[in-house]
Amino acid sequence: MVFCFREFFNRYNIIAPYQSCGYYVEPMTKGSDVSRHSRGEGNSSLIYPVIARRSGGLSLGINLFPDSKTCSFNCPYCEVLPFSSTVEFSPEKLEAQMEQFFHHDREEPGAVQLPLRDICISGNGEPTLSPWLGEVLEICSQARMKYPEALKAKLVLITNSTGFLDPGIVDLLHTWQRNAGLSIWAKLDAGTPEWFALMSGSEFSLPGMCEAISDFSRKEPVVIQTMLCALGENFPGQAEAEAYADRLNAMIACGAAIDAVDFYTIARPCVSDEAKPISASSIIDFMDTVQLRLAKPISLKGFDSRGQIGKAMRGGTASHD
């Protein structure tokens, strides 16, 4: 994808590693900055291009809640602080901002290729709570056909999995998975109820959420997203990793189709001062414990605050892919 250097990065508040006549970002290489996921002034932009670790480069975020944070969880590691705005979501505004992004923020003299990895529905809360979700999926799907630069971009929805408790949401997401290749990234942050309660800040039960994920993914697959971070003096160690692997095994035994699991840690400021990132080596230790305990192989990836972690450990330091 070709973009205007200075205008593009200034407009969307992206940090680029190199400067000359303009800006150049090589996704997820040394110098790439994943520490800022700005959603525009007042968190109210409906789109927010970012350099995303788990996407492997440029991701176009879609924000369904420009007016206030709206979520069924209260995660201590959430990067969206409470806010309020007079900006309201509308499909027309989303289409206009996407038109601006694809038609006007590109093709300037001296521009370089910056491939768009995905269009990711996430934003200031839990997207399955939005009454506009169906319309947003339609707009994003149409964008992939309308704009050549988006043709190879994946369509992704990141969810905390509570929407799987709603049969109407389940049917909607399954339809878009089958018809448009929608990829569902479903959150599962714990193996024990105690850690789940701390990580979700909610009254939802861990067994209930695991059952919901299992029921959903019997028909269409999911990619599990797992945050690994410290909360004060507590952090997910071996016992938590073993319990987590047991949860995955139970879900798979019930017919859950889990394509992969992404383990990641904090990369940006979050709502709680108690929430801190953990090291790459700690992430790998957790992954290794899970992998050894799994009843069947699953693709596992780890991401520290800089990017994807290589499995090899050399000199006590995790390599970065």
Protein backbone atom coordinates (compact mmCIF):
# COMPACT_ATOMS: atom_id res chain seq x y z
CA MET A 1 0.00 0.00 0.00
CA VAL A 2 1.37 3.44 -0.90
CA PHE A 3 0.86 6.34 1.48
CA CYS A 4 1.81 9.98 1.81
CA PHE A 5 4.72 10.09 4.27
CA ARG A 6 4.41 13.10 6.52
CA GLU A 7 0.68 13.70 6.09
CA PHE A 8 -0.17 10.08 6.82
CA PHE A 9 1.90 9.70 9.96
CA ASN A 10 1.04 13.14 11.31
CA ARG A 11 -2.67 12.65 10.68
CA TYR A 12 -2.83 9.35 12.54
CA ASN A 13 -0.10 9.97 15.12
CA ILE A 14 2.09 7.02 14.12
CA ILE A 15 5.76 7.01 15.11
CA ALA A 16 8.13 6.02 12.31
CA PRO A 17 11.69 4.81 12.84
CA TYR A 18 13.44 6.71 10.06
CA GLN A 19 13.24 10.24 8.67
CA SER A 20 14.67 11.80 5.52
CA CYS A 21 12.49 13.64 3.03
CA GLY A 22 9.60 11.86 4.72
CA TYR A 23 8.88 8.83 6.86
CA TYR A 24 9.48 5.17 6.32
CA VAL A 25 8.10 2.30 8.38
CA GLU A 26 9.24 -1.25 7.88
CA PRO A 27 6.63 -3.24 9.81
CA MET A 28 7.90 -5.07 12.88
CA THR A 29 11.61 -4.61 12.29
CA LYS A 30 14.11 -3.01 14.60
CA GLY A 31 13.04 0.54 15.20
CA SER A 32 9.32 0.02 14.55
CA ASP A 33 7.22 1.50 17.33
CA VAL A 34 4.19 -0.42 18.57
CA SER A 35 3.81 1.65 21.73
CA ARG A 36 1.22 4.09 20.36
CA HIS A 37 -2.24 3.12 19.14
CA SER A 38 -3.79 6.57 18.94
CA ARG A 39 -7.47 6.77 18.04
CA GLY A 40 -7.25 10.42 17.09
CA GLU A 41 -8.20 13.50 19.06
CA GLY A 42 -10.30 12.53 22.06
CA ASN A 43 -10.19 8.83 21.08
CA SER A 44 -13.02 9.66 18.68
CA SER A 45 -11.71 8.69 15.23
CA LEU A 46 -13.62 5.81 13.66
CA ILE A 47 -10.46 4.47 12.03
CA TYR A 48 -6.95 4.34 13.47
CA PRO A 49 -4.03 2.94 11.47
CA VAL A 50 -1.38 1.44 13.76
CA ILE A 51 1.74 -0.68 13.63
CA ALA A 52 0.47 -3.84 15.35
CA ARG A 53 2.59 -6.67 16.72
CA ARG A 54 0.09 -9.46 16.25
CA SER A 55 -0.86 -8.26 12.76
CA GLY A 56 2.79 -8.09 11.74
CA GLY A 57 2.68 -4.55 10.38
CA LEU A 58 0.10 -1.94 9.42
CA SER A 59 -3.38 -2.61 10.77
CA LEU A 60 -6.41 -0.41 10.14
CA GLY A 61 -8.39 -0.37 13.38
CA ILE A 62 -12.14 0.24 13.33
CA ASN A 63 -13.59 2.01 16.37
CA LEU A 64 -17.30 1.47 17.02
CA PHE A 65 -17.38 3.60 20.20
CA PRO A 66 -16.09 7.14 19.53
CA ASP A 67 -18.31 8.59 22.27
CA SER A 68 -17.24 6.54 25.29
CA LYS A 69 -15.54 3.34 26.35
CA THR A 70 -18.10 0.52 26.13
CA CYS A 71 -17.10 -2.93 27.34
CA SER A 72 -18.39 -5.93 29.27
CA PHE A 73 -14.97 -6.41 30.92
CA ASN A 74 -12.93 -4.04 33.07
CA CYS A 75 -9.45 -5.36 32.33
CA PRO A 76 -6.67 -3.68 34.36
CA TYR A 77 -4.34 -3.81 31.35
CA CYS A 78 -6.76 -2.06 28.98
CA GLU A 79 -5.15 0.83 27.10
CA VAL A 80 -8.45 2.72 26.68
CA LEU A 81 -8.86 5.04 29.63
CA PRO A 82 -12.39 6.25 30.48
CA PHE A 83 -13.41 9.23 28.32
CA SER A 84 -16.47 10.90 26.86
CA SER A 85 -17.00 12.64 23.53
CA THR A 86 -19.84 14.20 21.59
CA VAL A 87 -18.84 12.27 18.46
CA GLU A 88 -21.41 9.64 17.50
CA PHE A 89 -20.82 6.58 15.36
CA SER A 90 -22.54 6.31 12.02
CA PRO A 91 -21.93 4.05 9.02
CA GLU A 92 -21.73 7.15 6.80
CA LYS A 93 -18.91 8.62 8.89
CA LEU A 94 -17.03 5.32 8.77
CA GLU A 95 -17.33 5.14 4.98
CA ALA A 96 -16.13 8.75 4.65
CA GLN A 97 -13.10 8.17 6.88
CA MET A 98 -12.19 5.00 4.99
CA GLU A 99 -12.49 6.92 1.71
CA GLN A 100 -10.10 9.53 3.11
CA PHE A 101 -7.68 6.84 4.24
CA PHE A 102 -7.57 4.88 0.99
CA HIS A 103 -7.93 7.70 -1.58
CA HIS A 104 -6.20 10.72 -0.08
CA ASP A 105 -3.52 9.51 2.36
CA ARG A 106 -1.42 7.82 -0.30
CA GLU A 107 0.41 8.11 -3.62
CA GLU A 108 2.57 11.14 -2.90
CA PRO A 109 5.97 11.67 -4.58
CA GLY A 110 8.65 9.58 -2.88
CA ALA A 111 6.17 7.31 -1.11
CA VAL A 112 7.11 3.71 -0.26
CA GLN A 113 5.16 0.49 -0.03
CA LEU A 114 3.44 -0.09 3.29
CA PRO A 115 1.25 -3.19 3.00
CA LEU A 116 -2.00 -3.25 4.92
CA ARG A 117 -2.07 -6.48 6.92
CA ASP A 118 -5.63 -6.35 8.16
CA ILE A 119 -8.77 -4.34 8.84
CA CYS A 120 -9.39 -4.94 12.53
CA ILE A 121 -12.70 -4.26 14.31
CA SER A 122 -11.83 -3.48 17.91
CA GLY A 123 -11.60 0.10 19.20
CA ASN A 124 -12.82 1.61 22.45
CA GLY A 125 -14.55 -1.45 23.86
CA GLU A 126 -16.20 -4.76 23.00
CA PRO A 127 -17.36 -4.61 19.35
CA THR A 128 -20.11 -7.20 19.77
CA LEU A 129 -21.94 -4.69 22.00
CA SER A 130 -22.40 -2.27 19.12
CA PRO A 131 -25.78 -2.13 17.37
CA TRP A 132 -23.86 -1.21 14.21
CA LEU A 133 -21.75 -4.38 14.08
CA GLY A 134 -23.52 -5.90 11.07
CA GLU A 135 -23.27 -2.68 9.07
CA VAL A 136 -19.60 -2.28 10.01
CA LEU A 137 -18.79 -5.79 8.82
CA GLU A 138 -20.51 -5.00 5.53
CA ILE A 139 -18.58 -1.73 5.08
CA CYS A 140 -15.25 -3.37 5.88
CA SER A 141 -15.95 -6.28 3.56
CA GLN A 142 -16.90 -3.91 0.75
CA ALA A 143 -13.70 -1.91 1.34
CA ARG A 144 -11.63 -5.01 0.65
CA MET A 145 -13.27 -5.25 -2.78
CA LYS A 146 -13.47 -1.50 -3.48
CA TYR A 147 -9.88 -0.53 -2.70
CA PRO A 148 -7.08 -2.54 -4.38
CA GLU A 149 -4.74 -1.79 -1.44
CA ALA A 150 -7.11 -3.66 0.89
CA LEU A 151 -7.65 -6.70 -1.31
CA LYS A 152 -5.11 -8.87 0.53
CA ALA A 153 -5.87 -7.47 3.98
CA LYS A 154 -7.53 -9.85 6.41
CA LEU A 155 -10.82 -8.93 8.07
CA VAL A 156 -10.41 -9.39 11.83
CA LEU A 157 -12.66 -8.93 14.85
CA ILE A 158 -11.12 -8.89 18.34
CA THR A 159 -13.56 -9.90 21.07
CA ASN A 160 -13.44 -10.65 24.78
CA SER A 161 -15.72 -13.60 23.94
CA THR A 162 -18.74 -12.40 25.94
CA GLY A 163 -20.62 -11.88 22.67
CA PHE A 164 -20.57 -15.65 22.20
CA LEU A 165 -23.26 -15.81 24.91
CA ASP A 166 -25.68 -14.05 22.51
CA PRO A 167 -27.14 -16.42 19.86
CA GLY A 168 -27.81 -13.50 17.51
CA ILE A 169 -24.17 -12.38 17.64
CA VAL A 170 -22.99 -15.97 17.17
CA ASP A 171 -25.10 -16.35 14.02
CA LEU A 172 -23.90 -12.99 12.67
CA LEU A 173 -20.22 -13.77 13.18
CA HIS A 174 -20.52 -17.30 11.80
CA THR A 175 -22.17 -15.90 8.67
CA TRP A 176 -19.32 -13.45 8.09
CA GLN A 177 -16.72 -16.12 8.78
CA ARG A 178 -18.24 -18.37 6.14
CA ASN A 179 -19.01 -15.69 3.55
CA ALA A 180 -16.16 -13.20 3.94
CA GLY A 181 -13.36 -15.05 5.70
CA LEU A 182 -13.75 -13.06 8.93
CA SER A 183 -11.07 -14.06 11.45
CA ILE A 184 -12.21 -14.09 15.08
CA TRP A 185 -9.58 -13.31 17.71
CA ALA A 186 -11.14 -14.45 20.98
CA LYS A 187 -9.79 -13.50 24.38
CA LEU A 188 -8.93 -16.09 27.03
CA ASP A 189 -6.59 -14.64 29.65
CA ALA A 190 -6.54 -17.27 32.38
CA GLY A 191 -6.53 -20.89 33.39
CA THR A 192 -7.78 -20.43 36.95
CA PRO A 193 -10.97 -18.64 38.08
CA GLU A 194 -8.98 -16.47 40.47
CA TRP A 195 -6.68 -15.10 37.77
CA PHE A 196 -9.60 -14.72 35.36
CA ALA A 197 -11.47 -12.55 37.87
CA LEU A 198 -8.43 -10.29 38.26
CA MET A 199 -7.73 -10.06 34.53
CA SER A 200 -11.31 -9.48 33.39
CA GLY A 201 -12.50 -7.31 36.27
CA SER A 202 -15.92 -8.83 35.69
CA GLU A 203 -18.43 -11.26 37.18
CA PHE A 204 -18.35 -13.57 34.19
CA SER A 205 -17.17 -17.07 35.07
CA LEU A 206 -14.14 -18.70 33.49
CA PRO A 207 -15.93 -22.05 32.92
CA GLY A 208 -18.82 -20.18 31.32
CA MET A 209 -16.54 -18.27 28.97
CA CYS A 210 -14.61 -21.42 28.01
CA GLU A 211 -17.90 -23.15 27.24
CA ALA A 212 -19.04 -20.20 25.13
CA ILE A 213 -15.78 -20.21 23.14
CA SER A 214 -16.06 -23.98 22.67
CA ASP A 215 -19.67 -23.78 21.50
CA PHE A 216 -18.85 -20.97 19.07
CA SER A 217 -15.76 -22.62 17.59
CA ARG A 218 -17.37 -25.98 16.96
CA LYS A 219 -18.78 -24.45 13.77
CA GLU A 220 -16.08 -21.93 12.82
CA PRO A 221 -12.50 -21.61 14.16
CA VAL A 222 -11.04 -18.93 16.42
CA VAL A 223 -7.58 -17.61 17.23
CA ILE A 224 -7.17 -17.31 21.00
CA GLN A 225 -5.63 -14.09 22.37
CA THR A 226 -4.02 -14.28 25.82
CA MET A 227 -2.59 -11.33 27.73
CA LEU A 228 0.31 -12.21 30.03
CA CYS A 229 1.16 -9.45 32.50
CA ALA A 230 1.93 -8.83 36.14
CA LEU A 231 -0.69 -7.38 38.47
CA GLY A 232 1.15 -5.88 41.40
CA GLU A 233 3.20 -8.71 42.92
CA ASN A 234 1.22 -11.39 41.09
CA PHE A 235 2.04 -12.84 37.69
CA PRO A 236 1.03 -15.95 35.70
CA GLY A 237 3.59 -18.64 36.56
CA GLN A 238 3.85 -22.37 35.94
CA ALA A 239 0.72 -23.34 37.87
CA GLU A 240 -1.35 -20.85 35.86
CA ALA A 241 0.21 -22.09 32.60
CA GLU A 242 -0.66 -25.69 33.49
CA ALA A 243 -4.24 -24.75 34.36
CA TYR A 244 -4.48 -22.75 31.12
CA ALA A 245 -3.30 -25.74 29.05
CA ASP A 246 -5.87 -27.93 30.82
CA ARG A 247 -8.59 -25.45 29.82
CA LEU A 248 -7.49 -25.61 26.19
CA ASN A 249 -7.40 -29.41 26.30
CA ALA A 250 -10.94 -29.53 27.70
CA MET A 251 -12.20 -27.13 25.05
CA ILE A 252 -10.58 -29.12 22.24
CA ALA A 253 -12.04 -32.33 23.67
CA CYS A 254 -15.47 -30.68 23.39
CA GLY A 255 -14.88 -30.00 19.70
CA ALA A 256 -13.46 -26.46 19.79
CA ALA A 257 -11.55 -25.50 16.64
CA ILE A 258 -8.61 -23.37 17.80
CA ASP A 259 -6.38 -22.34 14.91
CA ALA A 260 -3.68 -20.72 17.05
CA VAL A 261 -2.94 -18.99 20.34
CA ASP A 262 -1.20 -15.60 20.60
CA PHE A 263 0.43 -14.77 23.94
CA TYR A 264 1.29 -11.10 24.36
CA THR A 265 2.14 -8.58 27.04
CA ILE A 266 1.58 -4.88 27.68
CA ALA A 267 3.12 -2.47 25.16
CA ARG A 268 1.27 0.77 25.95
CA PRO A 269 0.05 2.71 29.01
CA CYS A 270 -2.99 1.10 30.62
CA VAL A 271 -5.75 1.93 33.10
CA SER A 272 -4.14 0.34 36.16
CA ASP A 273 -0.74 1.21 37.57
CA GLU A 274 -0.62 -2.34 38.92
CA ALA A 275 -0.53 -3.85 35.42
CA LYS A 276 3.02 -4.29 34.10
CA PRO A 277 4.54 -6.15 31.14
CA ILE A 278 6.46 -9.35 31.71
CA SER A 279 9.72 -10.29 30.02
CA ALA A 280 10.13 -12.21 26.77
CA SER A 281 11.72 -15.09 28.68
CA SER A 282 8.71 -15.28 31.04
CA ILE A 283 6.38 -15.41 28.05
CA ILE A 284 8.40 -18.23 26.51
CA ASP A 285 8.42 -20.14 29.81
CA PHE A 286 4.62 -19.90 29.90
CA MET A 287 4.33 -21.00 26.27
CA ASP A 288 6.68 -23.94 26.77
CA THR A 289 4.68 -25.18 29.76
CA VAL A 290 1.46 -24.93 27.76
CA GLN A 291 2.94 -26.62 24.70
CA LEU A 292 4.27 -29.59 26.68
CA ARG A 293 0.89 -30.11 28.35
CA LEU A 294 -1.34 -29.81 25.27
CA ALA A 295 -2.98 -33.03 24.10
CA LYS A 296 -2.64 -31.99 20.43
CA PRO A 297 -0.36 -29.49 18.68
CA ILE A 298 -1.54 -25.89 18.33
CA SER A 299 0.40 -23.01 16.79
CA LEU A 300 1.63 -20.80 19.65
CA LYS A 301 3.13 -17.33 19.16
CA GLY A 302 4.57 -14.96 21.74
CA PHE A 303 4.84 -11.17 21.64
CA ASP A 304 6.66 -8.97 24.12
CA SER A 305 6.41 -5.18 24.18
CA ARG A 306 8.61 -4.89 21.06
CA GLY A 307 7.26 -7.52 18.73
CA GLN A 308 7.11 -11.25 18.04
CA ILE A 309 9.46 -13.42 20.07
CA GLY A 310 11.54 -16.14 18.48
CA LYS A 311 11.40 -19.46 20.34
CA ALA A 312 15.20 -19.78 20.45
CA MET A 313 16.84 -18.55 23.65
CA ARG A 314 20.45 -17.44 23.27
CA GLY A 315 22.50 -16.03 26.08
CA GLY A 316 19.38 -15.72 28.22
CA THR A 317 17.74 -13.36 25.72
CA ALA A 318 14.77 -14.15 23.52
CA SER A 319 15.32 -13.46 19.85
CA HIS A 320 12.80 -11.37 17.92
CA ASP A 321 11.43 -12.50 14.59
